[in-house]
PDB file of N, CA and C in Angstrom:
ATOM      1  N   MET A   1     -20.016 -76.372  75.302  1.00  0.00           N
ATOM      2  CA  MET A   1     -21.292 -77.065  75.029  1.00  0.00           C
ATOM      3  C   MET A   1     -22.126 -77.299  76.328  1.00  0.00           C
ATOM      4  N   ASP A   2     -23.257 -76.968  76.292  1.00  0.00           N
ATOM      5  CA  ASP A   2     -24.339 -77.400  77.252  1.00  0.00           C
ATOM      6  C   ASP A   2     -25.154 -78.628  77.034  1.00  0.00           C
ATOM      7  N   LEU A   3     -25.183 -79.543  78.154  1.00  0.00           N
ATOM      8  CA  LEU A   3     -26.173 -80.712  77.654  1.00  0.00           C
ATOM      9  C   LEU A   3     -26.817 -81.033  78.732  1.00  0.00           C
ATOM     10  N   GLU A   4     -28.199 -81.616  78.473  1.00  0.00           N
ATOM     11  CA  GLU A   4     -29.155 -82.057  79.342  1.00  0.00           C
ATOM     12  C   GLU A   4     -29.565 -83.169  78.943  1.00  0.00           C
ATOM     13  N   PRO A   5     -28.872 -84.353  79.229  1.00  0.00           N
ATOM     14  CA  PRO A   5     -29.157 -85.621  78.846  1.00  0.00           C
ATOM     15  C   PRO A   5     -30.844 -85.851  78.491  1.00  0.00           C
ATOM     16  N   GLY A   6     -30.990 -86.437  77.274  1.00  0.00           N
ATOM     17  CA  GLY A   6     -32.443 -86.638  76.955  1.00  0.00           C
ATOM     18  C   GLY A   6     -33.203 -85.551  76.775  1.00  0.00           C
ATOM     19  N   GLN A   7     -32.887 -84.221  76.961  1.00  0.00           N
ATOM     20  CA  GLN A   7     -33.708 -83.253  76.807  1.00  0.00           C
ATOM     21  C   GLN A   7     -33.278 -82.332  75.774  1.00  0.00           C
ATOM     22  N   SER A   8     -31.900 -81.478  75.894  1.00  0.00           N
ATOM     23  CA  SER A   8     -31.426 -80.746  74.946  1.00  0.00           C
ATOM     24  C   SER A   8     -30.012 -80.609  75.056  1.00  0.00           C
ATOM     25  N   ALA A   9     -29.324 -79.861  74.039  1.00  0.00           N
ATOM     26  CA  ALA A   9     -27.912 -79.654  73.996  1.00  0.00           C
ATOM     27  C   ALA A   9     -27.620 -78.247  73.252  1.00  0.00           C
ATOM     28  N   ARG A  10     -26.717 -77.717  73.578  1.00  0.00           N
ATOM     29  CA  ARG A  10     -26.262 -76.405  73.043  1.00  0.00           C
ATOM     30  C   ARG A  10     -24.893 -76.451  72.544  1.00  0.00           C
ATOM     31  N   GLY A  11     -24.503 -75.946  71.537  1.00  0.00           N
ATOM     32  CA  GLY A  11     -23.293 -76.085  70.876  1.00  0.00           C
ATOM     33  C   GLY A  11     -22.684 -74.954  70.226  1.00  0.00           C
ATOM     34  N   ARG A  12     -21.586 -74.849  69.798  1.00  0.00           N
ATOM     35  CA  ARG A  12     -21.022 -73.592  69.102  1.00  0.00           C
ATOM     36  C   ARG A  12     -19.940 -74.111  68.049  1.00  0.00           C
ATOM     37  N   TRP A  13     -20.265 -73.728  66.683  1.00  0.00           N
ATOM     38  CA  TRP A  13     -19.167 -74.116  65.579  1.00  0.00           C
ATOM     39  C   TRP A  13     -18.749 -72.813  65.103  1.00  0.00           C
ATOM     40  N   HIS A  14     -17.450 -72.603  65.358  1.00  0.00           N
ATOM     41  CA  HIS A  14     -16.823 -71.330  64.613  1.00  0.00           C
ATOM     42  C   HIS A  14     -16.511 -71.911  63.375  1.00  0.00           C
ATOM     43  N   LEU A  15     -16.429 -71.096  62.247  1.00  0.00           N
ATOM     44  CA  LEU A  15     -16.132 -71.420  61.016  1.00  0.00           C
ATOM     45  C   LEU A  15     -14.737 -70.572  60.636  1.00  0.00           C
ATOM     46  N   THR A  16     -13.512 -71.001  60.802  1.00  0.00           N
ATOM     47  CA  THR A  16     -12.381 -70.296  60.359  1.00  0.00           C
ATOM     48  C   THR A  16     -11.958 -70.075  58.978  1.00  0.00           C
ATOM     49  N   GLY A  17     -12.636 -70.697  58.050  1.00  0.00           N
ATOM     50  CA  GLY A  17     -12.183 -70.461  56.643  1.00  0.00           C
ATOM     51  C   GLY A  17     -11.302 -71.627  56.303  1.00  0.00           C
ATOM     52  N   GLU A  18     -10.754 -72.249  57.011  1.00  0.00           N
ATOM     53  CA  GLU A  18      -9.712 -73.256  56.669  1.00  0.00           C
ATOM     54  C   GLU A  18     -10.398 -74.618  56.443  1.00  0.00           C
ATOM     55  N   GLU A  19     -11.900 -74.707  56.655  1.00  0.00           N
ATOM     56  CA  GLU A  19     -12.447 -76.164  56.451  1.00  0.00           C
ATOM     57  C   GLU A  19     -12.318 -76.309  54.869  1.00  0.00           C
ATOM     58  N   GLU A  20     -12.312 -77.475  54.577  1.00  0.00           N
ATOM     59  CA  GLU A  20     -12.065 -78.022  53.358  1.00  0.00           C
ATOM     60  C   GLU A  20     -13.015 -77.548  52.539  1.00  0.00           C
ATOM     61  N   PHE A  21     -14.307 -77.967  52.916  1.00  0.00           N
ATOM     62  CA  PHE A  21     -15.775 -77.525  52.018  1.00  0.00           C
ATOM     63  C   PHE A  21     -15.542 -76.381  51.408  1.00  0.00           C
ATOM     64  N   PHE A  22     -14.911 -75.223  52.158  1.00  0.00           N
ATOM     65  CA  PHE A  22     -14.968 -73.823  51.615  1.00  0.00           C
ATOM     66  C   PHE A  22     -14.185 -73.675  50.292  1.00  0.00           C
ATOM     67  N   LYS A  23     -13.048 -74.588  49.948  1.00  0.00           N
ATOM     68  CA  LYS A  23     -12.411 -74.393  48.672  1.00  0.00           C
ATOM     69  C   LYS A  23     -13.108 -74.584  47.590  1.00  0.00           C
ATOM     70  N   GLY A  24     -14.185 -75.491  47.626  1.00  0.00           N
ATOM     71  CA  GLY A  24     -14.951 -75.589  46.292  1.00  0.00           C
ATOM     72  C   GLY A  24     -16.479 -75.118  46.391  1.00  0.00           C
ATOM     73  N   HIS A  25     -16.809 -74.598  47.535  1.00  0.00           N
ATOM     74  CA  HIS A  25     -18.204 -74.337  47.766  1.00  0.00           C
ATOM     75  C   HIS A  25     -18.383 -72.755  48.198  1.00  0.00           C
ATOM     76  N   PHE A  26     -18.359 -71.911  47.677  1.00  0.00           N
ATOM     77  CA  PHE A  26     -18.268 -71.773  46.158  1.00  0.00           C
ATOM     78  C   PHE A  26     -16.880 -70.973  45.864  1.00  0.00           C
ATOM     79  N   PRO A  27     -16.151 -71.237  44.731  1.00  0.00           N
ATOM     80  CA  PRO A  27     -14.954 -70.413  44.451  1.00  0.00           C
ATOM     81  C   PRO A  27     -15.209 -69.053  44.400  1.00  0.00           C
ATOM     82  N   GLY A  28     -14.335 -68.195  45.097  1.00  0.00           N
ATOM     83  CA  GLY A  28     -14.644 -66.688  45.242  1.00  0.00           C
ATOM     84  C   GLY A  28     -15.625 -66.469  46.224  1.00  0.00           C
ATOM     85  N   ARG A  29     -16.379 -67.091  46.533  1.00  0.00           N
ATOM     86  CA  ARG A  29     -17.421 -66.592  47.751  1.00  0.00           C
ATOM     87  C   ARG A  29     -17.786 -67.865  48.525  1.00  0.00           C
ATOM     88  N   PRO A  30     -16.589 -68.226  49.577  1.00  0.00           N
ATOM     89  CA  PRO A  30     -17.180 -69.446  50.348  1.00  0.00           C
ATOM     90  C   PRO A  30     -18.303 -69.396  51.317  1.00  0.00           C
ATOM     91  N   THR A  31     -19.018 -70.538  51.108  1.00  0.00           N
ATOM     92  CA  THR A  31     -20.129 -70.430  51.501  1.00  0.00           C
ATOM     93  C   THR A  31     -20.415 -71.994  52.559  1.00  0.00           C
ATOM     94  N   LEU A  32     -21.049 -71.890  53.508  1.00  0.00           N
ATOM     95  CA  LEU A  32     -21.258 -73.223  54.503  1.00  0.00           C
ATOM     96  C   LEU A  32     -22.382 -73.892  53.514  1.00  0.00           C
ATOM     97  N   PRO A  33     -22.378 -75.149  53.256  1.00  0.00           N
ATOM     98  CA  PRO A  33     -23.530 -75.707  52.705  1.00  0.00           C
ATOM     99  C   PRO A  33     -24.540 -75.929  53.644  1.00  0.00           C
ATOM    100  N   GLY A  34     -25.850 -75.878  53.359  1.00  0.00           N
ATOM    101  CA  GLY A  34     -26.936 -76.043  54.082  1.00  0.00           C
ATOM    102  C   GLY A  34     -26.781 -77.249  54.574  1.00  0.00           C
ATOM    103  N   VAL A  35     -26.375 -78.522  53.944  1.00  0.00           N
ATOM    104  CA  VAL A  35     -26.625 -79.820  54.423  1.00  0.00           C
ATOM    105  C   VAL A  35     -25.626 -80.130  55.704  1.00  0.00           C
ATOM    106  N   LEU A  36     -24.439 -79.208  55.691  1.00  0.00           N
ATOM    107  CA  LEU A  36     -23.715 -79.306  57.145  1.00  0.00           C
ATOM    108  C   LEU A  36     -24.394 -78.464  58.175  1.00  0.00           C
ATOM    109  N   MET A  37     -25.103 -77.657  57.905  1.00  0.00           N
ATOM    110  CA  MET A  37     -25.854 -76.674  58.990  1.00  0.00           C
ATOM    111  C   MET A  37     -26.676 -78.122  59.674  1.00  0.00           C
ATOM    112  N   VAL A  38     -27.358 -78.578  58.726  1.00  0.00           N
ATOM    113  CA  VAL A  38     -28.408 -79.729  59.166  1.00  0.00           C
ATOM    114  C   VAL A  38     -27.706 -80.858  59.868  1.00  0.00           C
ATOM    115  N   GLU A  39     -26.358 -81.246  59.411  1.00  0.00           N
ATOM    116  CA  GLU A  39     -25.735 -82.247  59.823  1.00  0.00           C
ATOM    117  C   GLU A  39     -25.109 -81.924  61.219  1.00  0.00           C
ATOM    118  N   SER A  40     -25.005 -80.740  61.565  1.00  0.00           N
ATOM    119  CA  SER A  40     -24.536 -80.107  62.846  1.00  0.00           C
ATOM    120  C   SER A  40     -25.572 -80.243  63.919  1.00  0.00           C
ATOM    121  N   LEU A  41     -26.570 -79.980  63.408  1.00  0.00           N
ATOM    122  CA  LEU A  41     -27.842 -80.347  64.277  1.00  0.00           C
ATOM    123  C   LEU A  41     -28.069 -81.555  64.504  1.00  0.00           C
ATOM    124  N   ALA A  42     -28.011 -82.396  63.657  1.00  0.00           N
ATOM    125  CA  ALA A  42     -28.378 -83.893  63.997  1.00  0.00           C
ATOM    126  C   ALA A  42     -27.302 -84.533  64.767  1.00  0.00           C
ATOM    127  N   GLN A  43     -26.043 -84.135  64.567  1.00  0.00           N
ATOM    128  CA  GLN A  43     -24.966 -84.509  65.459  1.00  0.00           C
ATOM    129  C   GLN A  43     -25.229 -84.069  66.841  1.00  0.00           C
ATOM    130  N   LEU A  44     -25.391 -82.865  67.189  1.00  0.00           N
ATOM    131  CA  LEU A  44     -25.974 -82.298  68.509  1.00  0.00           C
ATOM    132  C   LEU A  44     -26.910 -83.091  69.086  1.00  0.00           C
ATOM    133  N   GLY A  45     -28.003 -83.311  68.343  1.00  0.00           N
ATOM    134  CA  GLY A  45     -29.010 -84.130  68.810  1.00  0.00           C
ATOM    135  C   GLY A  45     -28.743 -85.506  69.286  1.00  0.00           C
ATOM    136  N   GLY A  46     -27.969 -85.857  68.651  1.00  0.00           N
ATOM    137  CA  GLY A  46     -27.536 -87.475  68.667  1.00  0.00           C
ATOM    138  C   GLY A  46     -26.756 -87.583  69.993  1.00  0.00           C
ATOM    139  N   ILE A  47     -25.917 -86.447  70.334  1.00  0.00           N
ATOM    140  CA  ILE A  47     -25.283 -86.550  71.674  1.00  0.00           C
ATOM    141  C   ILE A  47     -26.108 -86.281  72.596  1.00  0.00           C
ATOM    142  N   ALA A  48     -27.233 -85.542  72.793  1.00  0.00           N
ATOM    143  CA  ALA A  48     -28.534 -85.282  73.552  1.00  0.00           C
ATOM    144  C   ALA A  48     -28.873 -86.724  73.792  1.00  0.00           C
ATOM    145  N   VAL A  49     -29.169 -87.514  72.895  1.00  0.00           N
ATOM    146  CA  VAL A  49     -29.897 -88.528  73.105  1.00  0.00           C
ATOM    147  C   VAL A  49     -29.115 -89.684  73.854  1.00  0.00           C
ATOM    148  N   LEU A  50     -27.774 -89.888  73.212  1.00  0.00           N
ATOM    149  CA  LEU A  50     -26.927 -90.777  73.782  1.00  0.00           C
ATOM    150  C   LEU A  50     -26.466 -90.551  75.302  1.00  0.00           C
ATOM    151  N   ALA A  51     -26.478 -89.171  75.643  1.00  0.00           N
ATOM    152  CA  ALA A  51     -26.205 -88.727  76.978  1.00  0.00           C
ATOM    153  C   ALA A  51     -27.279 -89.362  78.044  1.00  0.00           C
ATOM    154  N   ASP A  52     -28.302 -89.647  77.414  1.00  0.00           N
ATOM    155  CA  ASP A  52     -29.357 -90.237  78.447  1.00  0.00           C
ATOM    156  C   ASP A  52     -29.207 -91.641  78.555  1.00  0.00           C
ATOM    157  N   ASP A  53     -29.158 -92.218  79.735  1.00  0.00           N
ATOM    158  CA  ASP A  53     -28.847 -93.738  80.190  1.00  0.00           C
ATOM    159  C   ASP A  53     -29.638 -94.632  79.444  1.00  0.00           C
ATOM    160  N   ARG A  54     -30.812 -94.103  79.176  1.00  0.00           N
ATOM    161  CA  ARG A  54     -32.134 -95.075  78.560  1.00  0.00           C
ATOM    162  C   ARG A  54     -31.560 -95.354  77.274  1.00  0.00           C
ATOM    163  N   TYR A  55     -30.752 -94.571  76.590  1.00  0.00           N
ATOM    164  CA  TYR A  55     -30.225 -94.794  75.114  1.00  0.00           C
ATOM    165  C   TYR A  55     -28.859 -94.958  74.864  1.00  0.00           C
ATOM    166  N   ALA A  56     -28.028 -94.917  75.971  1.00  0.00           N
ATOM    167  CA  ALA A  56     -26.532 -95.193  75.732  1.00  0.00           C
ATOM    168  C   ALA A  56     -26.406 -96.543  75.138  1.00  0.00           C
ATOM    169  N   GLY A  57     -25.397 -96.393  73.884  1.00  0.00           N
ATOM    170  CA  GLY A  57     -25.018 -97.802  73.409  1.00  0.00           C
ATOM    171  C   GLY A  57     -25.979 -97.865  72.183  1.00  0.00           C
ATOM    172  N   ARG A  58     -27.026 -97.171  71.966  1.00  0.00           N
ATOM    173  CA  ARG A  58     -27.848 -97.374  70.798  1.00  0.00           C
ATOM    174  C   ARG A  58     -27.497 -96.582  69.572  1.00  0.00           C
ATOM    175  N   LEU A  59     -28.246 -96.404  68.478  1.00  0.00           N
ATOM    176  CA  LEU A  59     -27.726 -95.968  67.184  1.00  0.00           C
ATOM    177  C   LEU A  59     -28.854 -95.056  66.943  1.00  0.00           C
ATOM    178  N   PRO A  60     -28.782 -93.665  67.296  1.00  0.00           N
ATOM    179  CA  PRO A  60     -29.639 -92.962  66.791  1.00  0.00           C
ATOM    180  C   PRO A  60     -29.718 -92.296  65.468  1.00  0.00           C
ATOM    181  N   LEU A  61     -30.473 -92.586  64.678  1.00  0.00           N
ATOM    182  CA  LEU A  61     -30.616 -92.128  63.309  1.00  0.00           C
ATOM    183  C   LEU A  61     -31.499 -90.774  63.061  1.00  0.00           C
ATOM    184  N   PHE A  62     -30.883 -90.068  62.364  1.00  0.00           N
ATOM    185  CA  PHE A  62     -31.657 -88.794  61.705  1.00  0.00           C
ATOM    186  C   PHE A  62     -32.500 -89.145  60.442  1.00  0.00           C
ATOM    187  N   GLY A  63     -33.564 -88.996  60.804  1.00  0.00           N
ATOM    188  CA  GLY A  63     -34.700 -89.318  59.707  1.00  0.00           C
ATOM    189  C   GLY A  63     -35.373 -88.518  58.840  1.00  0.00           C
ATOM    190  N   GLY A  64     -34.986 -87.065  59.329  1.00  0.00           N
ATOM    191  CA  GLY A  64     -35.254 -85.965  58.110  1.00  0.00           C
ATOM    192  C   GLY A  64     -35.526 -84.697  58.904  1.00  0.00           C
ATOM    193  N   ILE A  65     -35.848 -83.711  58.013  1.00  0.00           N
ATOM    194  CA  ILE A  65     -36.188 -82.483  58.592  1.00  0.00           C
ATOM    195  C   ILE A  65     -37.251 -81.574  58.064  1.00  0.00           C
ATOM    196  N   ASP A  66     -38.079 -81.170  58.473  1.00  0.00           N
ATOM    197  CA  ASP A  66     -39.348 -80.489  57.845  1.00  0.00           C
ATOM    198  C   ASP A  66     -39.083 -78.964  57.776  1.00  0.00           C
ATOM    199  N   ARG A  67     -39.594 -78.218  57.043  1.00  0.00           N
ATOM    200  CA  ARG A  67     -39.838 -76.691  56.875  1.00  0.00           C
ATOM    201  C   ARG A  67     -38.433 -76.098  57.185  1.00  0.00           C
ATOM    202  N   ALA A  68     -37.398 -76.563  56.795  1.00  0.00           N
ATOM    203  CA  ALA A  68     -36.030 -75.926  56.782  1.00  0.00           C
ATOM    204  C   ALA A  68     -35.811 -74.888  55.741  1.00  0.00           C
ATOM    205  N   ARG A  69     -35.149 -73.718  56.110  1.00  0.00           N
ATOM    206  CA  ARG A  69     -35.116 -72.375  55.190  1.00  0.00           C
ATOM    207  C   ARG A  69     -33.593 -72.058  55.490  1.00  0.00           C
ATOM    208  N   PHE A  70     -32.872 -71.865  54.553  1.00  0.00           N
ATOM    209  CA  PHE A  70     -31.607 -71.080  54.748  1.00  0.00           C
ATOM    210  C   PHE A  70     -31.894 -69.777  54.038  1.00  0.00           C
ATOM    211  N   ARG A  71     -31.760 -68.887  54.857  1.00  0.00           N
ATOM    212  CA  ARG A  71     -32.283 -67.385  54.432  1.00  0.00           C
ATOM    213  C   ARG A  71     -30.971 -66.509  54.033  1.00  0.00           C
ATOM    214  N   ARG A  72     -29.714 -66.820  54.709  1.00  0.00           N
ATOM    215  CA  ARG A  72     -28.689 -66.020  54.441  1.00  0.00           C
ATOM    216  C   ARG A  72     -27.494 -67.009  54.365  1.00  0.00           C
ATOM    217  N   GLN A  73     -26.549 -66.257  53.702  1.00  0.00           N
ATOM    218  CA  GLN A  73     -25.145 -66.918  53.430  1.00  0.00           C
ATOM    219  C   GLN A  73     -24.370 -67.258  54.706  1.00  0.00           C
ATOM    220  N   VAL A  74     -23.751 -68.352  55.055  1.00  0.00           N
ATOM    221  CA  VAL A  74     -22.878 -68.476  56.148  1.00  0.00           C
ATOM    222  C   VAL A  74     -21.419 -68.744  55.782  1.00  0.00           C
ATOM    223  N   SER A  75     -20.501 -67.677  56.243  1.00  0.00           N
ATOM    224  CA  SER A  75     -19.265 -67.530  55.659  1.00  0.00           C
ATOM    225  C   SER A  75     -18.076 -67.764  56.629  1.00  0.00           C
ATOM    226  N   PRO A  76     -16.794 -68.012  56.039  1.00  0.00           N
ATOM    227  CA  PRO A  76     -15.689 -68.122  56.998  1.00  0.00           C
ATOM    228  C   PRO A  76     -15.675 -66.858  58.031  1.00  0.00           C
ATOM    229  N   GLY A  77     -15.468 -67.013  59.284  1.00  0.00           N
ATOM    230  CA  GLY A  77     -15.299 -66.058  60.351  1.00  0.00           C
ATOM    231  C   GLY A  77     -16.835 -66.115  61.212  1.00  0.00           C
ATOM    232  N   ASP A  78     -17.956 -66.420  60.618  1.00  0.00           N
ATOM    233  CA  ASP A  78     -18.925 -66.720  61.474  1.00  0.00           C
ATOM    234  C   ASP A  78     -19.250 -67.732  62.283  1.00  0.00           C
ATOM    235  N   THR A  79     -19.994 -67.766  63.248  1.00  0.00           N
ATOM    236  CA  THR A  79     -20.163 -68.766  64.326  1.00  0.00           C
ATOM    237  C   THR A  79     -21.485 -69.257  64.375  1.00  0.00           C
ATOM    238  N   LEU A  80     -21.848 -70.416  64.367  1.00  0.00           N
ATOM    239  CA  LEU A  80     -23.112 -71.087  64.543  1.00  0.00           C
ATOM    240  C   LEU A  80     -23.393 -71.347  66.112  1.00  0.00           C
ATOM    241  N   ASP A  81     -24.288 -70.842  66.447  1.00  0.00           N
ATOM    242  CA  ASP A  81     -24.678 -71.309  67.877  1.00  0.00           C
ATOM    243  C   ASP A  81     -26.103 -72.133  67.732  1.00  0.00           C
ATOM    244  N   LEU A  82     -25.589 -73.291  67.907  1.00  0.00           N
ATOM    245  CA  LEU A  82     -26.614 -74.398  67.975  1.00  0.00           C
ATOM    246  C   LEU A  82     -27.397 -74.853  69.200  1.00  0.00           C
ATOM    247  N   GLU A  83     -28.781 -75.272  68.823  1.00  0.00           N
ATOM    248  CA  GLU A  83     -29.508 -75.567  70.065  1.00  0.00           C
ATOM    249  C   GLU A  83     -30.527 -76.511  69.524  1.00  0.00           C
ATOM    250  N   VAL A  84     -30.591 -77.665  70.144  1.00  0.00           N
ATOM    251  CA  VAL A  84     -31.337 -79.052  69.829  1.00  0.00           C
ATOM    252  C   VAL A  84     -32.209 -79.050  71.157  1.00  0.00           C
ATOM    253  N   THR A  85     -33.655 -79.167  71.028  1.00  0.00           N
ATOM    254  CA  THR A  85     -34.435 -79.740  72.125  1.00  0.00           C
ATOM    255  C   THR A  85     -35.314 -80.815  71.755  1.00  0.00           C
ATOM    256  N   LEU A  86     -35.050 -81.819  72.465  1.00  0.00           N
ATOM    257  CA  LEU A  86     -35.807 -83.099  72.266  1.00  0.00           C
ATOM    258  C   LEU A  86     -36.944 -83.242  72.631  1.00  0.00           C
ATOM    259  N   GLY A  87     -37.802 -83.801  71.832  1.00  0.00           N
ATOM    260  CA  GLY A  87     -39.314 -83.841  72.044  1.00  0.00           C
ATOM    261  C   GLY A  87     -39.727 -85.404  72.533  1.00  0.00           C
ATOM    262  N   ARG A  88     -40.529 -85.848  72.043  1.00  0.00           N
ATOM    263  CA  ARG A  88     -41.072 -87.176  72.537  1.00  0.00           C
ATOM    264  C   ARG A  88     -39.883 -88.092  72.102  1.00  0.00           C
ATOM    265  N   LEU A  89     -39.542 -89.023  72.827  1.00  0.00           N
ATOM    266  CA  LEU A  89     -38.621 -90.012  72.944  1.00  0.00           C
ATOM    267  C   LEU A  89     -39.119 -91.339  73.229  1.00  0.00           C
ATOM    268  N   SER A  90     -38.941 -92.274  72.472  1.00  0.00           N
ATOM    269  CA  SER A  90     -39.381 -93.640  72.881  1.00  0.00           C
ATOM    270  C   SER A  90     -38.372 -94.737  72.141  1.00  0.00           C
ATOM    271  N   ALA A  91     -38.501 -95.875  72.553  1.00  0.00           N
ATOM    272  CA  ALA A  91     -37.426 -97.000  71.933  1.00  0.00           C
ATOM    273  C   ALA A  91     -37.309 -96.952  70.339  1.00  0.00           C
ATOM    274  N   ARG A  92     -38.551 -96.685  69.926  1.00  0.00           N
ATOM    275  CA  ARG A  92     -38.460 -96.720  68.251  1.00  0.00           C
ATOM    276  C   ARG A  92     -38.059 -95.440  67.599  1.00  0.00           C
ATOM    277  N   ALA A  93     -38.740 -94.338  68.265  1.00  0.00           N
ATOM    278  CA  ALA A  93     -38.488 -93.039  67.386  1.00  0.00           C
ATOM    279  C   ALA A  93     -38.655 -91.904  68.317  1.00  0.00           C
ATOM    280  N   GLY A  94     -38.502 -90.862  67.780  1.00  0.00           N
ATOM    281  CA  GLY A  94     -38.318 -89.454  68.756  1.00  0.00           C
ATOM    282  C   GLY A  94     -38.486 -88.485  67.731  1.00  0.00           C
ATOM    283  N   THR A  95     -38.826 -87.142  68.491  1.00  0.00           N
ATOM    284  CA  THR A  95     -38.890 -85.998  67.766  1.00  0.00           C
ATOM    285  C   THR A  95     -37.921 -84.938  68.319  1.00  0.00           C
ATOM    286  N   GLU A  96     -37.425 -83.816  67.666  1.00  0.00           N
ATOM    287  CA  GLU A  96     -36.603 -82.879  68.219  1.00  0.00           C
ATOM    288  C   GLU A  96     -36.943 -81.544  67.583  1.00  0.00           C
ATOM    289  N   GLY A  97     -36.768 -80.454  68.286  1.00  0.00           N
ATOM    290  CA  GLY A  97     -36.828 -79.140  67.557  1.00  0.00           C
ATOM    291  C   GLY A  97     -35.544 -78.551  67.556  1.00  0.00           C
ATOM    292  N   GLN A  98     -35.179 -77.919  66.459  1.00  0.00           N
ATOM    293  CA  GLN A  98     -33.822 -77.226  66.487  1.00  0.00           C
ATOM    294  C   GLN A  98     -33.873 -76.069  66.096  1.00  0.00           C
ATOM    295  N   GLN A  99     -32.674 -75.128  66.687  1.00  0.00           N
ATOM    296  CA  GLN A  99     -32.342 -73.732  66.255  1.00  0.00           C
ATOM    297  C   GLN A  99     -31.170 -73.505  66.141  1.00  0.00           C
ATOM    298  N   TRP A 100     -30.748 -72.568  65.222  1.00  0.00           N
ATOM    299  CA  TRP A 100     -29.456 -72.101  65.069  1.00  0.00           C
ATOM    300  C   TRP A 100     -29.194 -70.575  64.825  1.00  0.00           C
ATOM    301  N   THR A 101     -28.340 -69.883  65.269  1.00  0.00           N
ATOM    302  CA  THR A 101     -28.258 -68.631  65.199  1.00  0.00           C
ATOM    303  C   THR A 101     -26.757 -68.428  64.689  1.00  0.00           C
ATOM    304  N   VAL A 102     -26.597 -67.691  63.602  1.00  0.00           N
ATOM    305  CA  VAL A 102     -25.382 -67.150  63.232  1.00  0.00           C
ATOM    306  C   VAL A 102     -24.936 -66.002  63.858  1.00  0.00           C
ATOM    307  N   SER A 103     -23.599 -65.934  64.453  1.00  0.00           N
ATOM    308  CA  SER A 103     -23.086 -64.717  64.871  1.00  0.00           C
ATOM    309  C   SER A 103     -21.978 -63.958  64.358  1.00  0.00           C
ATOM    310  N   TRP A 104     -22.210 -62.809  64.232  1.00  0.00           N
ATOM    311  CA  TRP A 104     -21.150 -62.030  63.430  1.00  0.00           C
ATOM    312  C   TRP A 104     -21.424 -60.597  63.672  1.00  0.00           C
ATOM    313  N   PRO A 105     -20.958 -59.559  62.850  1.00  0.00           N
ATOM    314  CA  PRO A 105     -21.055 -58.383  63.341  1.00  0.00           C
ATOM    315  C   PRO A 105     -22.754 -57.643  63.164  1.00  0.00           C
ATOM    316  N   ALA A 106     -23.293 -58.249  62.065  1.00  0.00           N
ATOM    317  CA  ALA A 106     -24.640 -58.289  61.672  1.00  0.00           C
ATOM    318  C   ALA A 106     -25.328 -59.332  62.279  1.00  0.00           C
ATOM    319  N   ARG A 107     -25.686 -59.697  63.304  1.00  0.00           N
ATOM    320  CA  ARG A 107     -26.376 -60.870  63.678  1.00  0.00           C
ATOM    321  C   ARG A 107     -27.434 -61.230  62.722  1.00  0.00           C
ATOM    322  N   ARG A 108     -27.557 -62.584  62.565  1.00  0.00           N
ATOM    323  CA  ARG A 108     -28.646 -63.205  61.583  1.00  0.00           C
ATOM    324  C   ARG A 108     -29.047 -64.360  62.561  1.00  0.00           C
ATOM    325  N   SER A 109     -30.345 -64.785  62.453  1.00  0.00           N
ATOM    326  CA  SER A 109     -30.948 -65.927  62.842  1.00  0.00           C
ATOM    327  C   SER A 109     -31.523 -66.883  62.098  1.00  0.00           C
ATOM    328  N   PHE A 110     -31.327 -68.215  62.244  1.00  0.00           N
ATOM    329  CA  PHE A 110     -31.994 -69.100  61.446  1.00  0.00           C
ATOM    330  C   PHE A 110     -32.811 -69.912  62.344  1.00  0.00           C
ATOM    331  N   SER A 111     -33.920 -70.695  61.909  1.00  0.00           N
ATOM    332  CA  SER A 111     -34.470 -71.634  62.747  1.00  0.00           C
ATOM    333  C   SER A 111     -35.202 -72.550  61.796  1.00  0.00           C
ATOM    334  N   SER A 112     -35.283 -73.895  62.304  1.00  0.00           N
ATOM    335  CA  SER A 112     -36.111 -74.794  61.567  1.00  0.00           C
ATOM    336  C   SER A 112     -37.111 -75.379  62.370  1.00  0.00           C
TER     337      SER A 112
END
């Protein structure tokens, strides 16, 4: 993981196929739920915020996502390369931009 406190974070999530959610989503064609992709970005953004001394000990809350598109299936064996760039941060609110890339033999990219 790469981290610039209060600015950005990069991380990687390799999906082994052993994750519990693959058992029921979907039987016969395991697929990473889109909501978990969004959650992974929100958690990475939270790490970037909390690593900044100005926000240490606070509770960053994820308020929503605009214009998200899930264009391709993410399956066991795929790797999500996650990147979050924080925008304006204040004591009450902030903005961030997110991007994730899915790495496997035929490389696919996703962004929001």
